[in-house]
Amino acid sequence: MLTIFRSVQVKIIMTEASRAVLVAQYRNQLQQRNEEWEQWQFQAKKILADARKKSADTYALAQEKIAREERLRKEKIENLTLQLDQVENLPVGSELDYQTIQSPVTIQVGDIWDEKMAGTEIMLKDGRVHEIRQKT
């Protein structure tokens, strides 16, 4: 007998209350990312100014690093914006992927692997476990 971990998908059943909570969370995250973006813009200017004083190669590397970092930050903001739009527009009763957690499962010789590892879903409704689904 051995205990291993499998992934379990947690989903939210959309209600007006859960929508309000999620919208607030996404808006807070979006505000935080935008503030970080503004701070990064200031830091990027300083990094470029310092790099320009050193050498052309250092300046070019700094430009690449800044461009890469800006792309990543913009992607995060865009993803949050899309998630916010999705939550605002999903009808009540829709299921929304929330997170994936790890759950222990005990296996032993003779078990059917696919049955043991089959997806389990936890359905939340207004912050409470509403249903646990076992896929077979």
C-alpha atoms as a PDB file:
ATOM      1  CA  MET A   1       0.000   0.000   0.000  1.00  0.00           C
ATOM      2  CA  LEU A   2       1.237   3.471  -0.895  1.00  0.00           C
ATOM      3  CA  THR A   3      -0.174   6.971  -0.569  1.00  0.00           C
ATOM      4  CA  ILE A   4       0.362   9.290  -3.514  1.00  0.00           C
ATOM      5  CA  PHE A   5      -1.060  12.675  -4.471  1.00  0.00           C
ATOM      6  CA  ARG A   6      -3.396  13.449  -7.349  1.00  0.00           C
ATOM      7  CA  SER A   7      -4.722  16.715  -8.677  1.00  0.00           C
ATOM      8  CA  VAL A   8      -8.264  17.702  -7.766  1.00  0.00           C
ATOM      9  CA  GLN A   9     -10.024  20.484  -9.656  1.00  0.00           C
ATOM     10  CA  VAL A  10     -11.972  22.978  -7.555  1.00  0.00           C
ATOM     11  CA  LYS A  11     -14.772  24.809  -9.357  1.00  0.00           C
ATOM     12  CA  ILE A  12     -17.158  27.552  -8.350  1.00  0.00           C
ATOM     13  CA  ILE A  13     -20.843  27.473  -9.163  1.00  0.00           C
ATOM     14  CA  MET A  14     -21.573  31.072 -10.114  1.00  0.00           C
ATOM     15  CA  THR A  15     -24.072  32.918  -7.926  1.00  0.00           C
ATOM     16  CA  GLU A  16     -24.548  36.643  -7.528  1.00  0.00           C
ATOM     17  CA  ALA A  17     -22.686  36.490  -4.209  1.00  0.00           C
ATOM     18  CA  SER A  18     -19.732  34.538  -5.651  1.00  0.00           C
ATOM     19  CA  ARG A  19     -19.654  36.892  -8.644  1.00  0.00           C
ATOM     20  CA  ALA A  20     -19.372  39.897  -6.323  1.00  0.00           C
ATOM     21  CA  VAL A  21     -16.516  38.291  -4.371  1.00  0.00           C
ATOM     22  CA  LEU A  22     -14.622  37.280  -7.517  1.00  0.00           C
ATOM     23  CA  VAL A  23     -15.105  40.652  -9.203  1.00  0.00           C
ATOM     24  CA  ALA A  24     -13.733  42.387  -6.103  1.00  0.00           C
ATOM     25  CA  GLN A  25     -10.747  40.014  -5.983  1.00  0.00           C
ATOM     26  CA  TYR A  26      -9.934  40.493  -9.673  1.00  0.00           C
ATOM     27  CA  ARG A  27     -10.314  44.270  -9.454  1.00  0.00           C
ATOM     28  CA  ASN A  28      -7.958  44.385  -6.460  1.00  0.00           C
ATOM     29  CA  GLN A  29      -5.424  42.217  -8.275  1.00  0.00           C
ATOM     30  CA  LEU A  30      -5.744  44.363 -11.376  1.00  0.00           C
ATOM     31  CA  GLN A  31      -5.196  47.537  -9.375  1.00  0.00           C
ATOM     32  CA  GLN A  32      -2.136  45.991  -7.733  1.00  0.00           C
ATOM     33  CA  ARG A  33      -0.700  44.903 -11.105  1.00  0.00           C
ATOM     34  CA  ASN A  34      -1.265  48.382 -12.541  1.00  0.00           C
ATOM     35  CA  GLU A  35       0.522  49.960  -9.583  1.00  0.00           C
ATOM     36  CA  GLU A  36       3.390  47.497 -10.049  1.00  0.00           C
ATOM     37  CA  TRP A  37       3.443  48.441 -13.750  1.00  0.00           C
ATOM     38  CA  GLU A  38       3.863  52.118 -12.884  1.00  0.00           C
ATOM     39  CA  GLN A  39       6.670  51.304 -10.439  1.00  0.00           C
ATOM     40  CA  TRP A  40       8.324  49.123 -13.078  1.00  0.00           C
ATOM     41  CA  GLN A  41       8.195  51.947 -15.625  1.00  0.00           C
ATOM     42  CA  PHE A  42      10.092  54.170 -13.186  1.00  0.00           C
ATOM     43  CA  GLN A  43      12.638  51.425 -12.419  1.00  0.00           C
ATOM     44  CA  ALA A  44      13.083  50.643 -16.109  1.00  0.00           C
ATOM     45  CA  LYS A  45      14.047  54.251 -16.867  1.00  0.00           C
ATOM     46  CA  LYS A  46      16.617  54.164 -14.085  1.00  0.00           C
ATOM     47  CA  ILE A  47      18.021  50.815 -15.263  1.00  0.00           C
ATOM     48  CA  LEU A  48      18.357  52.125 -18.820  1.00  0.00           C
ATOM     49  CA  ALA A  49      20.024  55.347 -17.664  1.00  0.00           C
ATOM     50  CA  ASP A  50      22.550  53.382 -15.582  1.00  0.00           C
ATOM     51  CA  ALA A  51      23.189  50.916 -18.403  1.00  0.00           C
ATOM     52  CA  ARG A  52      23.708  53.698 -20.936  1.00  0.00           C
ATOM     53  CA  LYS A  53      26.545  55.065 -18.768  1.00  0.00           C
ATOM     54  CA  LYS A  54      28.340  51.693 -18.768  1.00  0.00           C
ATOM     55  CA  SER A  55      28.460  50.430 -22.359  1.00  0.00           C
ATOM     56  CA  ALA A  56      26.442  49.779 -25.504  1.00  0.00           C
ATOM     57  CA  ASP A  57      26.325  46.041 -24.747  1.00  0.00           C
ATOM     58  CA  THR A  58      25.040  46.634 -21.229  1.00  0.00           C
ATOM     59  CA  TYR A  59      22.438  49.029 -22.604  1.00  0.00           C
ATOM     60  CA  ALA A  60      21.271  46.479 -25.212  1.00  0.00           C
ATOM     61  CA  LEU A  61      20.990  43.740 -22.575  1.00  0.00           C
ATOM     62  CA  ALA A  62      19.042  46.069 -20.304  1.00  0.00           C
ATOM     63  CA  GLN A  63      16.654  46.905 -23.149  1.00  0.00           C
ATOM     64  CA  GLU A  64      16.045  43.188 -23.784  1.00  0.00           C
ATOM     65  CA  LYS A  65      15.439  42.493 -20.108  1.00  0.00           C
ATOM     66  CA  ILE A  66      13.034  45.411 -19.816  1.00  0.00           C
ATOM     67  CA  ALA A  67      11.128  44.404 -22.957  1.00  0.00           C
ATOM     68  CA  ARG A  68      10.794  40.823 -21.691  1.00  0.00           C
ATOM     69  CA  GLU A  69       9.629  41.984 -18.263  1.00  0.00           C
ATOM     70  CA  GLU A  70       7.139  44.412 -19.798  1.00  0.00           C
ATOM     71  CA  ARG A  71       5.667  41.639 -21.972  1.00  0.00           C
ATOM     72  CA  LEU A  72       5.226  39.401 -18.935  1.00  0.00           C
ATOM     73  CA  ARG A  73       3.616  42.159 -16.888  1.00  0.00           C
ATOM     74  CA  LYS A  74       1.289  43.157 -19.737  1.00  0.00           C
ATOM     75  CA  GLU A  75       0.249  39.512 -20.195  1.00  0.00           C
ATOM     76  CA  LYS A  76      -0.644  39.255 -16.510  1.00  0.00           C
ATOM     77  CA  ILE A  77      -2.741  42.401 -16.716  1.00  0.00           C
ATOM     78  CA  GLU A  78      -4.460  41.182 -19.887  1.00  0.00           C
ATOM     79  CA  ASN A  79      -5.191  37.780 -18.318  1.00  0.00           C
ATOM     80  CA  LEU A  80      -6.679  39.395 -15.224  1.00  0.00           C
ATOM     81  CA  THR A  81      -8.797  41.671 -17.409  1.00  0.00           C
ATOM     82  CA  LEU A  82     -10.074  38.667 -19.371  1.00  0.00           C
ATOM     83  CA  GLN A  83     -10.859  36.774 -16.159  1.00  0.00           C
ATOM     84  CA  LEU A  84     -12.715  39.798 -14.797  1.00  0.00           C
ATOM     85  CA  ASP A  85     -14.755  40.095 -18.001  1.00  0.00           C
ATOM     86  CA  GLN A  86     -15.508  36.376 -17.896  1.00  0.00           C
ATOM     87  CA  VAL A  87     -16.721  36.505 -14.291  1.00  0.00           C
ATOM     88  CA  GLU A  88     -18.838  39.594 -14.933  1.00  0.00           C
ATOM     89  CA  ASN A  89     -20.548  37.952 -17.918  1.00  0.00           C
ATOM     90  CA  LEU A  90     -21.018  34.334 -16.803  1.00  0.00           C
ATOM     91  CA  PRO A  91     -24.635  33.409 -16.165  1.00  0.00           C
ATOM     92  CA  VAL A  92     -25.720  32.322 -12.694  1.00  0.00           C
ATOM     93  CA  GLY A  93     -25.309  28.547 -12.365  1.00  0.00           C
ATOM     94  CA  SER A  94     -22.233  28.389 -14.609  1.00  0.00           C
ATOM     95  CA  GLU A  95     -19.187  26.500 -13.427  1.00  0.00           C
ATOM     96  CA  LEU A  96     -15.893  28.323 -13.254  1.00  0.00           C
ATOM     97  CA  ASP A  97     -12.480  26.717 -12.749  1.00  0.00           C
ATOM     98  CA  TYR A  98     -11.128  28.126  -9.508  1.00  0.00           C
ATOM     99  CA  GLN A  99      -7.982  26.240  -8.544  1.00  0.00           C
ATOM    100  CA  THR A 100      -6.289  22.863  -8.499  1.00  0.00           C
ATOM    101  CA  ILE A 101      -5.291  21.245  -5.228  1.00  0.00           C
ATOM    102  CA  GLN A 102      -3.436  18.066  -4.332  1.00  0.00           C
ATOM    103  CA  SER A 103      -5.235  15.238  -2.579  1.00  0.00           C
ATOM    104  CA  PRO A 104      -3.761  12.039  -1.135  1.00  0.00           C
ATOM    105  CA  VAL A 105      -4.996   8.720  -2.501  1.00  0.00           C
ATOM    106  CA  THR A 106      -3.976   5.288  -1.259  1.00  0.00           C
ATOM    107  CA  ILE A 107      -3.098   2.724  -3.901  1.00  0.00           C
ATOM    108  CA  GLN A 108      -2.254  -0.923  -3.571  1.00  0.00           C
ATOM    109  CA  VAL A 109      -1.436  -3.879  -5.755  1.00  0.00           C
ATOM    110  CA  GLY A 110      -4.459  -4.836  -7.835  1.00  0.00           C
ATOM    111  CA  ASP A 111      -6.040  -1.359  -7.922  1.00  0.00           C
ATOM    112  CA  ILE A 112      -7.198  -0.064 -11.276  1.00  0.00           C
ATOM    113  CA  TRP A 113      -4.978   2.912 -11.933  1.00  0.00           C
ATOM    114  CA  ASP A 114      -7.435   4.899 -14.056  1.00  0.00           C
ATOM    115  CA  GLU A 115     -10.125   4.598 -11.392  1.00  0.00           C
ATOM    116  CA  LYS A 116      -7.793   5.767  -8.619  1.00  0.00           C
ATOM    117  CA  MET A 117      -6.461   8.656 -10.661  1.00  0.00           C
ATOM    118  CA  ALA A 118      -9.792   9.605 -12.260  1.00  0.00           C
ATOM    119  CA  GLY A 119     -10.615  13.240 -11.849  1.00  0.00           C
ATOM    120  CA  THR A 120     -12.324  14.378  -8.722  1.00  0.00           C
ATOM    121  CA  GLU A 121     -13.993  17.772  -8.713  1.00  0.00           C
ATOM    122  CA  ILE A 122     -15.006  19.826  -5.716  1.00  0.00           C
ATOM    123  CA  MET A 123     -17.868  22.189  -6.430  1.00  0.00           C
ATOM    124  CA  LEU A 124     -18.130  25.327  -4.292  1.00  0.00           C
ATOM    125  CA  LYS A 125     -21.246  27.428  -4.006  1.00  0.00           C
ATOM    126  CA  ASP A 126     -21.005  30.664  -2.047  1.00  0.00           C
ATOM    127  CA  GLY A 127     -17.836  29.505  -0.308  1.00  0.00           C
ATOM    128  CA  ARG A 128     -19.222  26.138   0.799  1.00  0.00           C
ATOM    129  CA  VAL A 129     -18.591  22.671  -0.569  1.00  0.00           C
ATOM    130  CA  HIS A 130     -21.726  21.987  -2.582  1.00  0.00           C
ATOM    131  CA  GLU A 131     -20.768  18.715  -4.251  1.00  0.00           C
ATOM    132  CA  ILE A 132     -17.866  16.314  -4.686  1.00  0.00           C
ATOM    133  CA  ARG A 133     -17.848  14.645  -8.075  1.00  0.00           C
ATOM    134  CA  GLN A 134     -15.982  11.443  -8.801  1.00  0.00           C
ATOM    135  CA  LYS A 135     -15.329  10.819 -12.483  1.00  0.00           C
ATOM    136  CA  THR A 136     -15.118   7.196 -13.463  1.00  0.00           C
END
